N, C-alpha and C. Protein backbone atom coordinates (compact mmCIF):
# COMPACT_ATOMS: atom_id res chain seq x y z
N MET A 1 352.47 -53.70 192.86
CA MET A 1 350.83 -53.70 192.28
C MET A 1 350.80 -53.24 190.78
N SER A 2 350.24 -53.82 189.73
CA SER A 2 350.34 -53.19 188.64
C SER A 2 349.09 -52.21 188.20
N PHE A 3 349.37 -51.39 187.50
CA PHE A 3 348.46 -50.17 187.04
C PHE A 3 347.88 -50.07 185.79
N ASP A 4 348.32 -51.38 185.12
CA ASP A 4 348.73 -51.28 183.49
C ASP A 4 347.29 -51.36 182.69
N THR A 5 346.41 -51.63 183.86
CA THR A 5 344.62 -51.49 182.73
C THR A 5 344.73 -50.06 183.41
N LEU A 6 344.90 -48.92 183.84
CA LEU A 6 344.81 -47.34 183.87
C LEU A 6 345.08 -46.87 182.78
N ASN A 7 343.91 -45.58 182.42
CA ASN A 7 344.40 -44.63 181.20
C ASN A 7 343.55 -43.83 181.23
N LEU A 8 344.01 -42.96 180.59
CA LEU A 8 343.61 -41.57 180.54
C LEU A 8 342.67 -41.18 179.44
N GLU A 9 341.30 -41.33 178.94
CA GLU A 9 340.91 -40.56 178.34
C GLU A 9 340.41 -39.08 178.14
N PRO A 10 341.00 -38.81 176.44
CA PRO A 10 340.58 -37.25 176.33
C PRO A 10 339.40 -36.96 176.65
N ALA A 11 338.83 -35.78 176.50
CA ALA A 11 337.56 -35.12 176.88
C ALA A 11 336.81 -35.85 176.22
N THR A 12 335.40 -36.50 177.01
CA THR A 12 334.21 -37.25 175.72
C THR A 12 333.32 -36.24 175.59
N THR A 13 332.56 -36.71 175.28
CA THR A 13 331.14 -35.70 174.91
C THR A 13 330.57 -35.29 176.13
N VAL A 14 330.65 -36.22 176.66
CA VAL A 14 329.75 -36.08 178.56
C VAL A 14 330.44 -34.83 179.15
N ASP A 15 331.87 -34.63 179.05
CA ASP A 15 332.72 -33.59 179.59
C ASP A 15 332.10 -32.62 178.86
N ARG A 16 332.03 -32.38 177.54
CA ARG A 16 331.83 -31.09 176.75
C ARG A 16 330.17 -30.54 176.91
N VAL A 17 329.25 -31.64 177.16
CA VAL A 17 328.23 -31.28 177.34
C VAL A 17 328.04 -30.45 178.92
N THR A 18 328.61 -30.96 180.19
CA THR A 18 328.83 -30.63 181.16
C THR A 18 329.15 -29.43 181.74
N ASP A 19 330.44 -28.96 180.61
CA ASP A 19 331.12 -27.65 180.21
C ASP A 19 329.98 -26.94 180.04
N GLU A 20 329.48 -27.08 179.19
CA GLU A 20 328.32 -26.10 178.11
C GLU A 20 327.16 -25.76 178.87
N LEU A 21 327.22 -26.55 180.00
CA LEU A 21 325.61 -26.52 180.67
C LEU A 21 326.11 -25.59 182.40
N ARG A 22 327.45 -26.15 182.45
CA ARG A 22 327.83 -25.22 183.66
C ARG A 22 328.39 -23.85 183.11
N ARG A 23 328.67 -23.86 181.70
CA ARG A 23 328.64 -22.43 181.33
C ARG A 23 327.66 -21.27 181.54
N ALA A 24 326.74 -22.33 181.07
CA ALA A 24 325.12 -21.54 180.69
C ALA A 24 324.42 -21.09 182.23
N LEU A 25 324.94 -22.11 183.19
CA LEU A 25 324.24 -21.36 184.53
C LEU A 25 325.15 -20.35 185.36
N PHE A 26 326.57 -20.34 184.91
CA PHE A 26 327.53 -19.54 185.23
C PHE A 26 327.28 -18.44 185.01
N GLU A 27 327.03 -18.15 183.58
CA GLU A 27 326.56 -16.86 182.49
C GLU A 27 325.19 -16.45 183.15
N GLY A 28 324.23 -17.34 183.65
CA GLY A 28 322.82 -16.69 184.12
C GLY A 28 321.71 -17.10 183.07
N GLU A 29 322.34 -18.01 181.96
CA GLU A 29 321.45 -17.65 181.06
C GLU A 29 320.31 -18.84 181.40
N VAL A 30 320.52 -19.59 182.37
CA VAL A 30 319.64 -20.87 182.70
C VAL A 30 319.32 -20.36 184.39
N ALA A 31 318.30 -19.78 184.31
CA ALA A 31 318.22 -19.29 185.93
C ALA A 31 317.50 -20.61 186.78
N PRO A 32 318.04 -20.07 187.99
CA PRO A 32 317.98 -20.92 189.63
C PRO A 32 316.46 -21.48 189.30
N GLY A 33 316.14 -22.86 189.55
CA GLY A 33 314.65 -23.56 189.57
C GLY A 33 314.39 -23.87 188.24
N THR A 34 315.18 -23.41 186.59
CA THR A 34 314.74 -23.91 185.65
C THR A 34 314.85 -25.54 185.55
N PRO A 35 313.78 -26.25 185.58
CA PRO A 35 313.86 -27.81 184.71
C PRO A 35 314.95 -27.75 183.90
N LEU A 36 315.84 -29.41 183.89
CA LEU A 36 316.87 -29.24 183.14
C LEU A 36 316.44 -30.66 181.97
N ARG A 37 315.38 -30.49 181.09
CA ARG A 37 314.52 -31.12 180.55
C ARG A 37 315.87 -32.06 179.45
N GLU A 38 315.62 -33.56 180.01
CA GLU A 38 316.66 -34.11 178.98
C GLU A 38 316.46 -34.09 177.41
N VAL A 39 315.66 -34.22 177.06
CA VAL A 39 314.71 -34.36 175.86
C VAL A 39 315.26 -33.20 175.07
N ALA A 40 314.91 -32.16 175.57
CA ALA A 40 315.04 -30.55 175.52
C ALA A 40 316.55 -30.38 175.06
N LEU A 41 317.12 -31.04 176.08
CA LEU A 41 318.91 -30.31 176.02
C LEU A 41 319.40 -31.58 174.77
N ALA A 42 319.02 -32.46 174.82
CA ALA A 42 319.45 -33.65 173.94
C ALA A 42 319.29 -33.36 172.35
N ASP A 43 318.17 -32.39 172.68
CA ASP A 43 317.76 -31.86 171.07
C ASP A 43 318.59 -30.78 170.24
N SER A 44 318.71 -30.09 171.97
CA SER A 44 319.72 -28.66 171.67
C SER A 44 320.72 -29.20 171.14
N LEU A 45 321.58 -29.68 171.72
CA LEU A 45 322.94 -30.37 171.77
C LEU A 45 323.57 -31.01 170.87
N GLY A 46 322.63 -31.70 170.04
CA GLY A 46 323.06 -32.53 169.19
C GLY A 46 323.40 -33.91 169.68
N VAL A 47 323.09 -34.47 171.02
CA VAL A 47 323.84 -35.61 171.76
C VAL A 47 322.34 -36.82 172.16
N ALA A 48 322.97 -37.48 172.52
CA ALA A 48 321.94 -38.65 172.93
C ALA A 48 321.19 -38.31 174.16
N ARG A 49 320.18 -38.79 174.71
CA ARG A 49 319.30 -38.68 176.05
C ARG A 49 320.90 -38.81 177.16
N SER A 50 321.36 -40.12 177.08
CA SER A 50 322.12 -41.02 177.99
C SER A 50 323.24 -39.84 178.32
N THR A 51 324.09 -39.28 177.27
CA THR A 51 324.84 -38.33 177.45
C THR A 51 324.35 -36.93 178.03
N VAL A 52 323.33 -36.53 178.17
CA VAL A 52 322.68 -35.60 178.86
C VAL A 52 322.18 -35.88 180.61
N ARG A 53 321.68 -37.22 180.49
CA ARG A 53 321.76 -37.88 181.78
C ARG A 53 322.76 -38.15 182.48
N GLU A 54 324.25 -38.55 182.03
CA GLU A 54 325.18 -38.60 182.71
C GLU A 54 325.69 -36.85 183.15
N ALA A 55 325.86 -35.66 182.27
CA ALA A 55 326.17 -34.52 182.40
C ALA A 55 325.77 -33.72 183.46
N LEU A 56 324.19 -34.08 183.68
CA LEU A 56 323.44 -33.77 184.51
C LEU A 56 323.57 -34.31 185.80
N ALA A 57 323.81 -35.94 185.92
CA ALA A 57 324.60 -36.31 187.19
C ALA A 57 325.78 -35.67 187.80
N ALA A 58 326.56 -35.04 186.49
CA ALA A 58 327.30 -34.45 187.28
C ALA A 58 327.57 -33.19 187.72
N LEU A 59 326.37 -32.08 187.45
CA LEU A 59 326.16 -31.33 188.04
C LEU A 59 325.44 -31.39 189.03
N VAL A 60 324.56 -32.00 189.80
CA VAL A 60 324.11 -32.21 191.13
C VAL A 60 325.10 -32.92 191.67
N ALA A 61 326.44 -33.59 191.17
CA ALA A 61 327.22 -34.23 192.41
C ALA A 61 328.19 -32.75 192.78
N GLU A 62 328.28 -31.48 191.68
CA GLU A 62 328.87 -30.78 191.86
C GLU A 62 328.07 -29.62 192.92
N GLY A 63 326.76 -29.89 193.18
CA GLY A 63 325.76 -28.50 193.85
C GLY A 63 325.27 -27.61 193.13
N LEU A 64 325.35 -28.28 191.81
CA LEU A 64 324.35 -27.09 190.76
C LEU A 64 323.31 -27.73 190.56
N ALA A 65 322.44 -28.79 190.64
CA ALA A 65 321.23 -29.20 190.59
C ALA A 65 321.45 -29.73 191.62
N ASP A 66 319.95 -29.98 191.42
CA ASP A 66 319.28 -31.05 192.38
C ASP A 66 318.20 -31.71 191.39
N ARG A 67 317.80 -33.06 192.26
CA ARG A 67 316.64 -33.80 191.91
C ARG A 67 315.57 -33.74 192.30
N VAL A 68 314.28 -33.15 191.96
CA VAL A 68 313.87 -32.84 192.14
C VAL A 68 312.31 -34.19 192.02
N ALA A 69 311.53 -34.18 193.16
CA ALA A 69 310.48 -35.26 192.76
C ALA A 69 309.43 -34.69 192.08
N HIS A 70 309.63 -35.60 190.93
CA HIS A 70 308.04 -35.37 189.59
C HIS A 70 308.79 -34.09 189.08
N LYS A 71 309.60 -33.54 188.86
CA LYS A 71 310.54 -32.36 188.09
C LYS A 71 311.45 -33.10 187.37
N GLY A 72 312.16 -33.72 188.05
CA GLY A 72 313.24 -34.20 186.81
C GLY A 72 314.86 -33.47 187.98
N THR A 73 315.26 -32.82 187.08
CA THR A 73 316.26 -32.26 187.24
C THR A 73 316.66 -30.71 187.44
N VAL A 74 316.70 -30.30 188.04
CA VAL A 74 316.45 -28.47 188.41
C VAL A 74 317.82 -27.60 188.64
N VAL A 75 318.08 -26.33 188.04
CA VAL A 75 319.24 -25.60 188.50
C VAL A 75 318.84 -25.06 190.04
N ARG A 76 320.17 -25.48 190.87
CA ARG A 76 319.69 -25.28 192.30
C ARG A 76 319.41 -23.82 192.46
N ALA A 77 318.42 -24.06 193.60
CA ALA A 77 318.09 -22.30 193.71
C ALA A 77 318.00 -22.11 194.82
N LEU A 78 318.99 -21.05 195.46
CA LEU A 78 318.72 -20.58 196.91
C LEU A 78 317.88 -19.95 197.69
N ASP A 79 317.12 -20.38 198.74
CA ASP A 79 316.36 -19.16 198.87
C ASP A 79 316.89 -18.31 200.10
N THR A 80 316.22 -17.33 200.85
CA THR A 80 317.05 -16.36 201.59
C THR A 80 317.48 -17.21 202.62
N ALA A 81 317.02 -18.45 203.35
CA ALA A 81 317.84 -18.99 204.17
C ALA A 81 318.92 -19.43 204.09
N ALA A 82 319.10 -20.44 203.09
CA ALA A 82 319.90 -20.62 202.48
C ALA A 82 321.47 -19.63 202.08
N VAL A 83 320.88 -18.33 201.70
CA VAL A 83 321.83 -17.74 200.88
C VAL A 83 322.61 -16.82 202.38
N ARG A 84 321.72 -17.11 203.18
CA ARG A 84 322.34 -16.47 204.94
C ARG A 84 323.65 -17.61 205.04
N ASP A 85 322.58 -18.69 205.51
CA ASP A 85 323.89 -19.58 205.75
C ASP A 85 325.10 -19.75 204.83
N VAL A 86 324.99 -20.19 203.78
CA VAL A 86 326.27 -19.66 202.76
C VAL A 86 327.08 -18.86 203.50
N CYS A 87 326.44 -18.01 203.39
CA CYS A 87 327.28 -16.44 203.75
C CYS A 87 327.83 -16.70 205.27
N ALA A 88 327.42 -17.10 205.88
CA ALA A 88 327.69 -17.49 207.14
C ALA A 88 329.11 -18.53 207.49
N ALA A 89 329.01 -19.30 206.67
CA ALA A 89 329.96 -20.01 206.43
C ALA A 89 331.28 -19.54 206.03
N ARG A 90 331.12 -18.94 204.97
CA ARG A 90 331.89 -17.90 204.34
C ARG A 90 332.61 -17.36 205.20
N LEU A 91 332.11 -16.32 205.80
CA LEU A 91 333.09 -15.63 207.04
C LEU A 91 333.81 -16.29 207.83
N VAL A 92 333.33 -17.54 208.06
CA VAL A 92 333.58 -18.26 209.21
C VAL A 92 335.39 -18.84 208.67
N LEU A 93 334.90 -19.29 207.30
CA LEU A 93 336.40 -20.02 206.35
C LEU A 93 337.30 -18.72 206.17
N GLU A 94 336.76 -17.38 205.83
CA GLU A 94 337.59 -16.78 205.02
C GLU A 94 337.99 -15.83 206.00
N SER A 95 337.27 -15.61 207.55
CA SER A 95 338.22 -14.83 208.32
C SER A 95 339.26 -15.83 208.81
N GLU A 96 339.41 -17.27 208.83
CA GLU A 96 340.33 -18.29 209.02
C GLU A 96 341.70 -17.99 208.52
N GLY A 97 341.27 -17.96 207.08
CA GLY A 97 342.36 -17.30 206.34
C GLY A 97 342.81 -15.95 206.21
N VAL A 98 342.09 -15.05 206.76
CA VAL A 98 342.87 -13.40 207.01
C VAL A 98 343.96 -13.78 208.26
N ARG A 99 343.19 -14.39 209.30
CA ARG A 99 344.29 -14.75 210.42
C ARG A 99 345.28 -15.40 210.43
N ALA A 100 345.82 -16.06 209.27
CA ALA A 100 346.67 -16.97 209.28
C ALA A 100 347.70 -16.20 208.17
N TRP A 101 347.29 -14.98 207.79
CA TRP A 101 348.19 -14.40 207.07
C TRP A 101 349.62 -14.10 207.57
N ALA A 102 349.70 -13.96 208.26
CA ALA A 102 351.04 -14.34 209.41
C ALA A 102 351.90 -14.95 209.28
N LYS A 103 350.99 -16.11 209.42
CA LYS A 103 352.18 -17.89 209.24
C LYS A 103 352.24 -18.40 207.98
N ALA A 104 351.06 -17.16 206.95
CA ALA A 104 350.93 -18.40 205.64
C ALA A 104 352.34 -17.75 204.83
N ASP A 105 353.03 -19.38 204.13
CA ASP A 105 353.99 -18.86 202.99
C ASP A 105 353.76 -18.04 202.11
N GLU A 106 355.26 -17.52 201.43
CA GLU A 106 355.07 -16.18 200.89
C GLU A 106 353.97 -16.98 199.22
N SER A 107 354.02 -17.82 199.32
CA SER A 107 353.85 -18.15 197.90
C SER A 107 351.81 -17.91 197.73
N SER A 108 351.67 -18.22 198.97
CA SER A 108 349.90 -18.38 199.16
C SER A 108 349.81 -16.24 199.19
N ARG A 109 350.84 -16.24 199.93
CA ARG A 109 350.69 -14.15 200.13
C ARG A 109 350.23 -13.86 198.93
N ALA A 110 351.70 -14.45 197.93
CA ALA A 110 351.51 -13.70 196.55
C ALA A 110 350.14 -14.13 195.74
N ALA A 111 349.55 -15.42 196.31
CA ALA A 111 348.51 -15.84 195.21
C ALA A 111 347.39 -15.00 195.59
N CYS A 112 346.67 -14.49 196.58
CA CYS A 112 346.37 -13.50 197.06
C CYS A 112 345.89 -12.28 195.90
N ARG A 113 347.66 -11.63 195.84
CA ARG A 113 348.18 -10.42 195.19
C ARG A 113 347.69 -10.59 193.87
N HIS A 114 348.31 -11.94 193.19
CA HIS A 114 347.61 -12.43 191.65
C HIS A 114 346.22 -12.27 191.61
N ALA A 115 345.66 -12.68 192.87
CA ALA A 115 343.95 -12.79 192.31
C ALA A 115 343.40 -11.60 191.56
N LEU A 116 343.79 -10.75 193.33
CA LEU A 116 343.39 -8.74 192.89
C LEU A 116 343.63 -8.94 191.51
N ASP A 117 344.90 -8.87 190.74
CA ASP A 117 345.65 -8.07 189.43
C ASP A 117 344.72 -9.10 188.63
N ALA A 118 344.82 -10.26 188.88
CA ALA A 118 343.73 -10.88 187.44
C ALA A 118 342.34 -10.63 187.33
N PHE A 119 341.98 -10.46 188.60
CA PHE A 119 340.22 -9.73 188.62
C PHE A 119 340.35 -8.47 188.16
N ALA A 120 340.85 -7.58 188.87
CA ALA A 120 341.35 -5.93 188.26
C ALA A 120 341.34 -5.63 186.76
N ASP A 121 342.19 -6.56 186.40
CA ASP A 121 342.69 -6.89 184.95
C ASP A 121 341.39 -7.34 183.95
N LEU A 122 340.56 -8.43 184.73
CA LEU A 122 339.44 -8.94 183.71
C LEU A 122 337.81 -7.67 183.77
N ALA A 123 337.67 -7.14 185.16
CA ALA A 123 336.94 -6.03 185.69
C ALA A 123 337.17 -4.75 184.58
N ARG A 124 338.23 -4.26 183.99
CA ARG A 124 338.79 -3.33 183.08
C ARG A 124 338.07 -3.90 181.60
N ASP A 125 338.10 -5.45 181.46
CA ASP A 125 338.18 -5.44 179.87
C ASP A 125 336.43 -5.35 180.00
N ARG A 126 335.57 -4.79 179.18
CA ARG A 126 334.46 -4.58 179.07
C ARG A 126 333.88 -6.54 178.53
N SER A 127 334.56 -6.51 177.14
CA SER A 127 334.17 -8.48 176.70
C SER A 127 334.49 -9.09 177.66
N THR A 128 334.92 -8.68 179.16
CA THR A 128 335.07 -10.52 179.69
C THR A 128 333.29 -10.65 179.99
N SER A 129 333.32 -11.55 180.26
CA SER A 129 331.76 -12.44 180.60
C SER A 129 331.61 -12.74 181.70
N VAL A 130 330.68 -12.32 182.42
CA VAL A 130 329.44 -13.01 183.68
C VAL A 130 330.55 -13.58 184.25
N ALA A 131 330.12 -14.96 183.86
CA ALA A 131 331.35 -16.03 184.64
C ALA A 131 332.60 -15.75 185.08
N ASP A 132 333.47 -15.35 183.46
CA ASP A 132 334.79 -15.60 184.22
C ASP A 132 334.88 -14.23 185.18
N LEU A 133 334.16 -12.83 185.29
CA LEU A 133 334.30 -12.20 186.31
C LEU A 133 333.63 -12.87 187.82
N THR A 134 332.71 -13.36 187.77
CA THR A 134 332.23 -14.12 189.00
C THR A 134 333.47 -14.84 189.38
N ALA A 135 334.04 -15.93 188.73
CA ALA A 135 335.05 -16.60 188.69
C ALA A 135 336.25 -16.09 189.46
N ALA A 136 336.68 -15.36 188.87
CA ALA A 136 337.81 -14.44 189.28
C ALA A 136 337.75 -13.16 190.77
N HIS A 137 336.44 -13.05 190.46
CA HIS A 137 336.32 -12.21 192.12
C HIS A 137 336.31 -13.41 193.32
N LEU A 138 335.74 -14.98 193.00
CA LEU A 138 335.31 -15.67 193.89
C LEU A 138 337.22 -15.87 194.21
N ALA A 139 337.82 -16.29 192.87
CA ALA A 139 339.34 -16.72 193.33
C ALA A 139 339.97 -16.16 194.17
N ILE A 140 339.63 -14.74 194.42
CA ILE A 140 340.45 -13.43 195.42
C ILE A 140 339.95 -14.33 196.70
N HIS A 141 338.16 -14.69 196.94
CA HIS A 141 338.28 -15.01 198.19
C HIS A 141 338.87 -16.65 198.53
N ARG A 142 339.12 -17.09 197.44
CA ARG A 142 339.37 -18.65 197.79
C ARG A 142 340.65 -18.87 198.16
N ALA A 143 341.80 -17.57 197.34
CA ALA A 143 343.05 -17.60 197.48
C ALA A 143 343.38 -17.08 199.56
N VAL A 144 342.16 -16.32 199.64
CA VAL A 144 342.71 -15.70 200.90
C VAL A 144 341.99 -17.22 201.92
N VAL A 145 341.24 -17.93 201.66
CA VAL A 145 340.89 -19.52 202.69
C VAL A 145 342.54 -19.96 202.19
N ALA A 146 343.20 -19.94 200.97
CA ALA A 146 344.11 -20.99 200.84
C ALA A 146 345.12 -20.40 201.74
N LEU A 147 345.62 -19.20 202.27
CA LEU A 147 346.01 -18.77 203.70
C LEU A 147 345.93 -20.06 205.09
N THR A 148 345.08 -20.74 204.95
CA THR A 148 345.36 -21.46 205.89
C THR A 148 346.18 -22.59 205.77
N GLY A 149 346.18 -22.95 204.56
CA GLY A 149 346.91 -23.89 204.26
C GLY A 149 346.59 -25.40 204.33
N SER A 150 345.70 -25.48 204.65
CA SER A 150 344.51 -26.87 204.74
C SER A 150 343.81 -26.83 203.48
N GLU A 151 343.91 -28.15 202.80
CA GLU A 151 343.45 -28.86 201.80
C GLU A 151 341.79 -28.84 202.00
N ARG A 152 341.43 -29.39 203.14
CA ARG A 152 340.14 -29.37 203.73
C ARG A 152 339.42 -28.25 203.60
N ILE A 153 340.12 -26.95 204.42
CA ILE A 153 339.32 -25.93 204.62
C ILE A 153 338.63 -25.77 203.67
N VAL A 154 339.68 -25.51 202.46
CA VAL A 154 339.69 -25.08 200.53
C VAL A 154 338.23 -25.85 200.09
N ALA A 155 339.22 -26.87 200.19
CA ALA A 155 337.62 -27.75 199.68
C ALA A 155 336.32 -27.36 200.42
N ALA A 156 336.39 -27.34 201.24
CA ALA A 156 334.71 -26.96 202.24
C ALA A 156 334.16 -25.43 201.13
N ALA A 157 335.58 -24.42 201.06
CA ALA A 157 335.12 -23.50 200.51
C ALA A 157 334.74 -23.60 199.19
N ASP A 158 335.15 -24.17 198.49
CA ASP A 158 334.92 -24.59 197.35
C ASP A 158 333.40 -25.11 196.89
N SER A 159 332.71 -25.59 197.82
CA SER A 159 331.38 -26.47 197.35
C SER A 159 330.93 -25.41 197.75
N LEU A 160 331.15 -24.37 198.45
CA LEU A 160 330.43 -23.08 198.64
C LEU A 160 330.27 -22.18 197.69
N TYR A 161 331.42 -21.55 197.19
CA TYR A 161 331.50 -20.75 196.09
C TYR A 161 331.20 -21.82 194.90
N ALA A 162 330.57 -22.69 194.83
CA ALA A 162 330.13 -23.65 193.44
C ALA A 162 328.39 -22.99 193.50
N GLU A 163 327.97 -22.18 194.59
CA GLU A 163 326.74 -22.49 195.01
C GLU A 163 326.83 -20.92 194.90
N VAL A 164 327.38 -20.13 195.18
CA VAL A 164 327.46 -18.67 195.31
C VAL A 164 327.60 -18.51 194.09
N ARG A 165 328.53 -19.22 193.02
CA ARG A 165 328.31 -18.56 191.23
C ARG A 165 327.00 -18.70 191.08
N LEU A 166 325.93 -19.45 191.77
CA LEU A 166 325.13 -19.90 190.52
C LEU A 166 324.15 -18.11 190.84
N ALA A 167 324.13 -18.30 192.60
CA ALA A 167 323.63 -17.08 193.07
C ALA A 167 323.99 -15.67 192.32
N LEU A 168 325.59 -15.35 192.37
CA LEU A 168 326.00 -14.19 191.74
C LEU A 168 325.55 -14.20 190.38
N ALA A 169 325.59 -15.14 189.50
CA ALA A 169 325.29 -14.94 188.02
C ALA A 169 323.89 -14.12 187.87
N SER A 170 322.84 -14.22 188.65
CA SER A 170 321.79 -12.98 188.13
C SER A 170 322.42 -12.05 188.69
N VAL A 171 323.34 -11.61 190.10
CA VAL A 171 323.14 -10.20 190.07
C VAL A 171 324.04 -9.77 189.72
N ASP A 172 325.40 -9.99 189.48
CA ASP A 172 326.25 -9.54 188.08
C ASP A 172 325.32 -9.01 187.06
N ARG A 173 325.12 -9.82 186.78
CA ARG A 173 323.68 -9.69 185.11
C ARG A 173 323.48 -8.29 185.86
N ILE A 174 323.12 -8.07 186.66
CA ILE A 174 322.03 -6.90 187.03
C ILE A 174 323.04 -5.27 187.76
N ARG A 175 323.85 -5.75 188.39
CA ARG A 175 324.93 -4.47 189.39
C ARG A 175 325.51 -4.15 187.99
N ARG A 176 326.03 -5.03 187.67
CA ARG A 176 327.53 -4.92 186.78
C ARG A 176 328.51 -3.42 187.37
N ASN A 177 329.05 -4.06 188.48
CA ASN A 177 329.76 -3.03 189.31
C ASN A 177 331.05 -4.00 189.57
N ALA A 178 331.91 -4.35 188.14
CA ALA A 178 333.02 -4.87 188.41
C ALA A 178 333.95 -4.56 188.78
N VAL A 179 334.02 -2.85 188.01
CA VAL A 179 334.86 -2.04 188.20
C VAL A 179 335.17 -1.08 189.85
N ASP A 180 334.05 -0.83 190.27
CA ASP A 180 334.11 -1.02 191.83
C ASP A 180 334.35 -1.82 192.99
N GLN A 181 334.15 -2.70 192.29
CA GLN A 181 334.86 -3.94 193.15
C GLN A 181 335.99 -3.98 193.23
N ILE A 182 336.80 -3.80 192.63
CA ILE A 182 338.21 -3.39 192.19
C ILE A 182 338.89 -2.85 193.33
N GLY A 183 337.67 -1.63 193.95
CA GLY A 183 338.34 -0.95 194.83
C GLY A 183 338.00 -1.88 196.26
N THR A 184 336.62 -2.32 196.31
CA THR A 184 336.90 -2.78 197.75
C THR A 184 337.54 -4.52 197.85
N HIS A 185 337.97 -4.70 196.89
CA HIS A 185 338.59 -6.39 197.01
C HIS A 185 340.46 -5.42 197.33
N THR A 186 340.39 -4.41 197.07
CA THR A 186 342.17 -4.00 197.05
C THR A 186 341.93 -3.80 198.37
N ARG A 187 341.07 -2.73 198.93
CA ARG A 187 340.80 -2.57 200.63
C ARG A 187 341.35 -3.69 201.07
N LEU A 188 340.31 -4.85 201.28
CA LEU A 188 340.52 -5.96 201.75
C LEU A 188 341.80 -6.39 201.57
N ILE A 189 342.66 -6.54 200.81
CA ILE A 189 343.57 -7.06 200.69
C ILE A 189 344.72 -6.28 201.13
N GLU A 190 344.72 -5.09 200.94
CA GLU A 190 345.63 -4.40 201.67
C GLU A 190 345.20 -4.54 203.04
N LEU A 191 344.18 -4.73 204.12
CA LEU A 191 344.07 -4.36 205.49
C LEU A 191 344.78 -5.95 205.87
N ILE A 192 344.32 -6.50 204.83
CA ILE A 192 345.03 -8.55 205.26
C ILE A 192 346.51 -8.16 205.64
N GLU A 193 347.28 -7.18 204.32
CA GLU A 193 348.49 -7.37 204.44
C GLU A 193 349.37 -6.33 205.40
N SER A 194 348.37 -5.26 205.90
CA SER A 194 349.02 -4.69 207.00
C SER A 194 349.01 -5.05 208.80
N GLY A 195 348.38 -6.35 208.00
CA GLY A 195 348.58 -7.46 209.57
C GLY A 195 347.37 -6.68 210.59
N ASP A 196 346.05 -6.04 210.19
CA ASP A 196 345.44 -5.19 211.63
C ASP A 196 344.20 -6.56 210.72
N THR A 197 344.34 -7.40 211.70
CA THR A 197 343.17 -8.42 211.66
C THR A 197 341.85 -8.17 212.22
N ASP A 198 341.88 -7.26 213.32
CA ASP A 198 340.30 -7.26 213.18
C ASP A 198 339.76 -6.20 212.09
N SER A 199 340.52 -5.47 211.68
CA SER A 199 339.91 -4.56 210.81
C SER A 199 339.78 -5.25 209.58
N ALA A 200 340.80 -6.25 209.06
CA ALA A 200 340.47 -6.49 207.74
C ALA A 200 339.32 -7.92 208.02
N ILE A 201 338.82 -8.34 209.15
CA ILE A 201 337.57 -9.18 209.33
C ILE A 201 336.47 -8.50 209.43
N ALA A 202 336.71 -6.93 209.96
CA ALA A 202 335.74 -6.29 209.64
C ALA A 202 335.18 -6.25 208.33
N GLU A 203 335.95 -5.51 207.46
CA GLU A 203 335.86 -5.11 206.19
C GLU A 203 335.32 -6.49 205.40
N LEU A 204 335.82 -7.41 205.61
CA LEU A 204 335.32 -8.79 205.39
C LEU A 204 333.48 -9.49 205.16
N ARG A 205 333.32 -8.92 206.80
CA ARG A 205 332.23 -8.93 207.16
C ARG A 205 331.09 -8.31 206.37
N THR A 206 331.68 -6.73 205.99
CA THR A 206 331.04 -6.02 205.75
C THR A 206 330.88 -6.44 203.96
N HIS A 207 331.96 -7.08 203.09
CA HIS A 207 331.95 -7.32 202.23
C HIS A 207 330.79 -8.17 201.64
N ILE A 208 330.76 -9.47 202.86
CA ILE A 208 330.01 -10.50 202.45
C ILE A 208 328.80 -10.64 202.72
N ALA A 209 328.54 -9.55 203.82
CA ALA A 209 327.20 -8.77 203.86
C ALA A 209 326.68 -7.99 202.95
N ASP A 210 327.21 -7.34 202.23
CA ASP A 210 326.63 -7.14 201.51
C ASP A 210 326.54 -7.48 200.16
N GLY A 211 327.39 -8.70 199.82
CA GLY A 211 326.81 -9.63 198.56
C GLY A 211 325.33 -10.28 198.96
N GLU A 212 325.55 -10.89 200.49
CA GLU A 212 324.07 -11.27 200.80
C GLU A 212 323.00 -10.68 200.28
N GLN A 213 323.26 -9.23 200.63
CA GLN A 213 321.97 -8.25 200.59
C GLN A 213 321.28 -8.19 199.20
N SER A 214 322.40 -8.49 198.18
CA SER A 214 322.06 -8.49 197.07
C SER A 214 321.67 -10.13 196.48
N MET A 215 322.19 -10.73 197.07
CA MET A 215 321.83 -12.36 196.25
C MET A 215 320.39 -12.32 196.56
N ILE A 216 319.81 -11.83 198.28
CA ILE A 216 318.59 -11.72 198.72
C ILE A 216 317.50 -10.87 198.17
N GLU A 217 318.09 -9.87 197.32
CA GLU A 217 317.33 -8.97 196.44
C GLU A 217 316.76 -9.45 195.34
N THR A 218 317.66 -10.19 194.82
CA THR A 218 317.18 -10.92 193.48
C THR A 218 316.65 -11.52 193.52
N ILE A 219 316.77 -12.50 194.95
CA ILE A 219 315.75 -13.48 194.92
C ILE A 219 314.26 -13.11 195.05
N ASP A 220 313.73 -12.27 195.60
CA ASP A 220 312.92 -11.38 196.23
C ASP A 220 312.61 -11.01 195.17
N ALA A 221 313.39 -10.29 193.79
CA ALA A 221 312.31 -9.84 192.86
C ALA A 221 312.35 -11.24 192.15
N GLY A 222 312.65 -11.86 192.24
CA GLY A 222 312.53 -13.25 191.19
C GLY A 222 311.06 -13.75 191.25
């Protein structure tokens, strides 16, 4: 079978608009529940409405926005029940990663250490954006999930982390405690490396519960 008709296009205007909208969401510049008006966005970005429409469709597909009757496209907003559900799912997936440490390959183990180091470097740099800090934070947890060696489990985690990044955007802008989080994440990785699975999962449960509480408090305050 010939694939001569296939070709890879460079980044399009739609891609660039999607990237900019995604950045604004993850930076917390556009709050959850905010309507994403095609006309206003097209005027602001200097592009056609059709381009904005395609970009919004991409955000919906990624779980970052929702189509709401009579409102159009709005930034996804997690309520208290959704936050608890997402965090419960995270605990299940990440706990499996902790349990898989002993059988994981060395490259997967090294990825956990690298993710922690990368987060620590960014957290100490005052110029690092909220979006980049949140992404680096969640990269640690993703690396833990990847210890399972399952692409499907990692994909399931990725869909959860997209929602978490939206919720954490507001939280991290308020608490600004990235340096403190270096210590909590270091302790988590050290416990995982020690082979003390029960203690590592207990630490993970506390860590996720703390994040859950912060997200719920931010929702209630809004």
